[in-house]
Amino acid sequence: MLINHRHAPDRDSAQAENHVREFLSPFMESDDSVELVDRAPAASPGLDHPLLASVGAEIETRAKLGWTDVAFFAEQGIPAINFGPGDATLAHTSDERIERENLNVTFKTIKKVLEDS
């Protein structure tokens, strides 16, 4: 069985692994085992950083389940966010697309943030 467990940023990877092992323990038989094949950190949004906070002031911000390379930056203490055009509910679907107006708003927001910083 393969389990892909994505955890919130209030847990580190070791805590998340322990949580999964504890959860599975009552269902495992004596010859069952758990093998960890990959581990990746979770990321808190870096919206408290002044530059990144200015992006949040311009647009609606919300949490999104998933994983991106932002987690690697967060793990190193580098503030980062995911930001871009498009409907997140369509991401990775056959109907994924970007509306021109969303692209224009994204461009204007990035331009304003860079000019104001």
Protein backbone atom coordinates (compact mmCIF):
# COMPACT_ATOMS: atom_id res chain seq x y z
CA MET A 1 0.00 0.00 0.00
CA LEU A 2 1.27 3.48 -0.84
CA ILE A 3 0.23 6.37 1.40
CA ASN A 4 0.84 9.97 0.39
CA HIS A 5 0.42 11.96 3.61
CA ARG A 6 0.68 15.72 3.29
CA HIS A 7 0.87 17.53 6.57
CA ALA A 8 0.19 21.05 7.76
CA PRO A 9 3.08 23.35 8.69
CA ASP A 10 2.37 22.97 12.42
CA ARG A 11 4.11 19.55 12.22
CA ASP A 12 7.59 18.77 11.02
CA SER A 13 8.26 15.74 8.83
CA ALA A 14 9.25 13.51 11.77
CA GLN A 15 6.04 14.35 13.64
CA ALA A 16 4.00 13.65 10.51
CA GLU A 17 5.72 10.28 10.06
CA ASN A 18 5.08 9.37 13.71
CA HIS A 19 1.43 10.35 13.30
CA VAL A 20 1.02 8.01 10.32
CA ARG A 21 2.81 5.16 12.10
CA GLU A 22 0.64 5.59 15.21
CA PHE A 23 -2.51 5.74 13.10
CA LEU A 24 -1.62 2.55 11.20
CA SER A 25 -0.37 0.61 14.22
CA PRO A 26 -3.74 -0.88 15.30
CA PHE A 27 -4.33 -2.21 11.78
CA MET A 28 -0.93 -3.82 11.25
CA GLU A 29 -0.08 -7.46 11.75
CA SER A 30 3.22 -8.63 13.24
CA ASP A 31 4.89 -9.17 9.85
CA ASP A 32 3.70 -5.83 8.39
CA SER A 33 6.11 -2.93 8.10
CA VAL A 34 6.11 0.71 7.10
CA GLU A 35 8.75 1.98 4.70
CA LEU A 36 9.24 5.71 4.27
CA VAL A 37 10.20 6.36 0.63
CA ASP A 38 10.15 10.15 0.56
CA ARG A 39 9.83 13.08 2.90
CA ALA A 40 9.13 16.73 2.19
CA PRO A 41 8.56 19.66 4.52
CA ALA A 42 5.32 21.59 4.81
CA ALA A 43 5.35 25.36 4.38
CA SER A 44 3.69 28.18 6.22
CA PRO A 45 2.80 31.05 3.93
CA GLY A 46 5.38 33.82 4.16
CA LEU A 47 2.77 36.57 4.21
CA ASP A 48 4.31 38.28 7.25
CA HIS A 49 7.30 39.37 5.14
CA PRO A 50 6.70 42.99 4.02
CA LEU A 51 7.20 42.32 0.31
CA LEU A 52 5.01 39.25 0.31
CA ALA A 53 2.42 40.92 2.55
CA SER A 54 2.00 43.59 -0.12
CA VAL A 55 0.90 40.87 -2.55
CA GLY A 56 -1.74 39.77 -0.04
CA ALA A 57 -2.96 43.35 0.27
CA GLU A 58 -3.61 43.45 -3.47
CA ILE A 59 -5.43 40.13 -3.88
CA GLU A 60 -7.53 37.62 -2.00
CA THR A 61 -5.30 35.13 -0.20
CA ARG A 62 -6.28 31.63 0.85
CA ALA A 63 -4.70 28.37 1.85
CA LYS A 64 -4.43 25.65 -0.75
CA LEU A 65 -3.86 22.00 -0.09
CA GLY A 66 -1.00 20.55 -2.03
CA TRP A 67 2.74 20.81 -2.16
CA THR A 68 5.12 23.05 -4.09
CA ASP A 69 8.78 24.03 -3.94
CA VAL A 70 7.78 26.88 -1.61
CA ALA A 71 8.22 24.32 1.18
CA PHE A 72 11.94 24.05 0.42
CA PHE A 73 12.31 27.84 0.73
CA ALA A 74 10.27 27.92 3.96
CA GLU A 75 12.43 25.16 5.46
CA GLN A 76 15.48 27.42 4.93
CA GLY A 77 13.73 30.45 6.44
CA ILE A 78 13.25 32.16 3.07
CA PRO A 79 9.80 33.74 2.81
CA ALA A 80 7.93 32.58 -0.28
CA ILE A 81 4.41 32.28 -1.63
CA ASN A 82 2.71 30.66 -4.59
CA PHE A 83 1.13 33.31 -6.74
CA GLY A 84 -0.24 33.29 -10.21
CA PRO A 85 -3.26 33.40 -12.47
CA GLY A 86 -5.88 30.76 -12.93
CA ASP A 87 -8.60 28.93 -11.09
CA ALA A 88 -6.93 26.64 -8.56
CA THR A 89 -9.88 24.24 -8.71
CA LEU A 90 -9.00 23.58 -12.36
CA ALA A 91 -5.30 22.94 -11.73
CA HIS A 92 -4.04 19.67 -13.21
CA THR A 93 -7.40 18.91 -14.83
CA SER A 94 -8.27 18.53 -18.50
CA ASP A 95 -10.04 21.91 -18.25
CA GLU A 96 -7.07 23.81 -16.79
CA ARG A 97 -6.75 27.24 -18.39
CA ILE A 98 -5.88 30.87 -17.70
CA GLU A 99 -8.25 33.68 -18.54
CA ARG A 100 -6.60 36.72 -20.11
CA GLU A 101 -8.00 39.02 -17.40
CA ASN A 102 -6.48 36.82 -14.66
CA LEU A 103 -3.14 37.03 -16.43
CA ASN A 104 -3.44 40.83 -16.67
CA VAL A 105 -4.30 41.14 -12.96
CA THR A 106 -1.35 38.92 -12.05
CA PHE A 107 1.04 40.99 -14.17
CA LYS A 108 -0.26 44.28 -12.70
CA THR A 109 0.01 42.95 -9.15
CA ILE A 110 3.60 41.76 -9.57
CA LYS A 111 4.54 45.04 -11.28
CA LYS A 112 3.02 47.08 -8.43
CA VAL A 113 4.71 45.01 -5.73
CA LEU A 114 8.10 45.39 -7.41
CA GLU A 115 7.65 49.12 -7.98
CA ASP A 116 6.56 49.69 -4.36
CA SER A 117 9.42 47.70 -2.82
